[in-house]
Amino acid sequence: MGLRRIGCLAAGGLCALIFILFGCKKNDNVLMPNAPLPLYQVRATVVDTTGNPRPGAILMLSSPPEQSGTFIATTDSGGKATIQSPPGNQLLIARYGITLQGTLTVNVQASSTTTDAGVVHLQAVAIPAKILTVITEAESLQTALRVIGFTTFDTTYADTLLAMSLRDSSALLTYLSRYSIIFSSCDDGLEAGADEAVLSRTYGRYISAGGKMFGGHCNYYHLRRIWAPYYQNYDNQEDEVRDSIRIVDSGLEAWLGFSIASWDSSTDSRRLSGYEKFLDLPPGSRVYATISWTSPQMGVIVENTLGKGKFVWTNYHSDDLVNAQGLRTIIQYFLLTM
């Protein structure tokens, strides 16, 4: 490996996320423990701060039920989108990037006729989310963010955070607390080092206080320390023929518009199947996607919660997604919904 740089960079300026999305569809493969609620269609028109229709905005149900359904959609060229909802008073949320948002209450009718909620007006968010990306040589989450059209984030280096943690972990926590989301790239297993334990614990304190993290591959060493004694038992499940993922979370499937995706592994010779597949996830873990053919099903996108925060972990390199338009919308989904 080459020498890792120590320093901090800033990417300035505000931009809007332009989402290239696919049609939503109902997930018939998710089994629910309770009888599903009846769903009805509701439509809204999203307009920007000048009152013009905003295509490419996100319309979503504020509190979707725990069942399959189209609870999130993107607006068309006229700013319109239609989603599903249980009947009664509901709150709709519209977003464009992370800087514009609007809400609208509507009484969804139990009818075969679509309820027209009216117009949602986007407004600038008073305090936009601040995002930090951690640069390493093994993975480039900052590149993945730029590819999907997002450039409003600060960057630092893994070595910088490690040095800060060893010098004054409380000062590091204060620094991290400035950010709403941290994108932590895989550092090629250097996370396993004994001196990284303080950094892991500081990440845990950040998450417990409400921080959000999104990390790739070898971040599982941090997860081992934050969610001990889990993330110890894994199986590589080597198979270079059947590389694909199965989306098992209904919200993510509705966003993507598909449940099975082939893996474009041209940027990583190990392919998806060459990564660790953990058999001992912490209780309460939310699995968004698995290796489609493994038995038992092994998560490749897993969300862990602690206190008020969460860590969404992908046991692959997320920049492997950027050349596959369908898959890179996975990063868009978590950037918007975390």
Foldseek 3Di string as FASTA:
>chain_A
DDDDDFDWFAQDDFDWFQDDFDAFDWDPPADDPDDDADKAKAKEAEAEQVRATDFRKKKAWPDADQHTFQGIDTAHPRRMDMTMDHFAWTKMKIGIHQFWIWIFIDGADPDNDYHYRYYTYIDGDPDGFEEEEEDADPFCVQVLCVLSPGRHYIYGYPVNLLVCLVVPLVVSLVVQLSGQEYEYEDHPQPCQDPSVLSVLVSVLVNFQVAHEYEYEANCVSSVCNNVPPFPPDWDLQDDPPQAKKAFRRNNVCRRLVHGIGHFQCPPPVCGPSRFIFGDGDHPPKDAGMFRVPDVVTTGQWIWDHHNNGIYTYGNHHLVSCSVPSSRSCSVVVVSPPD
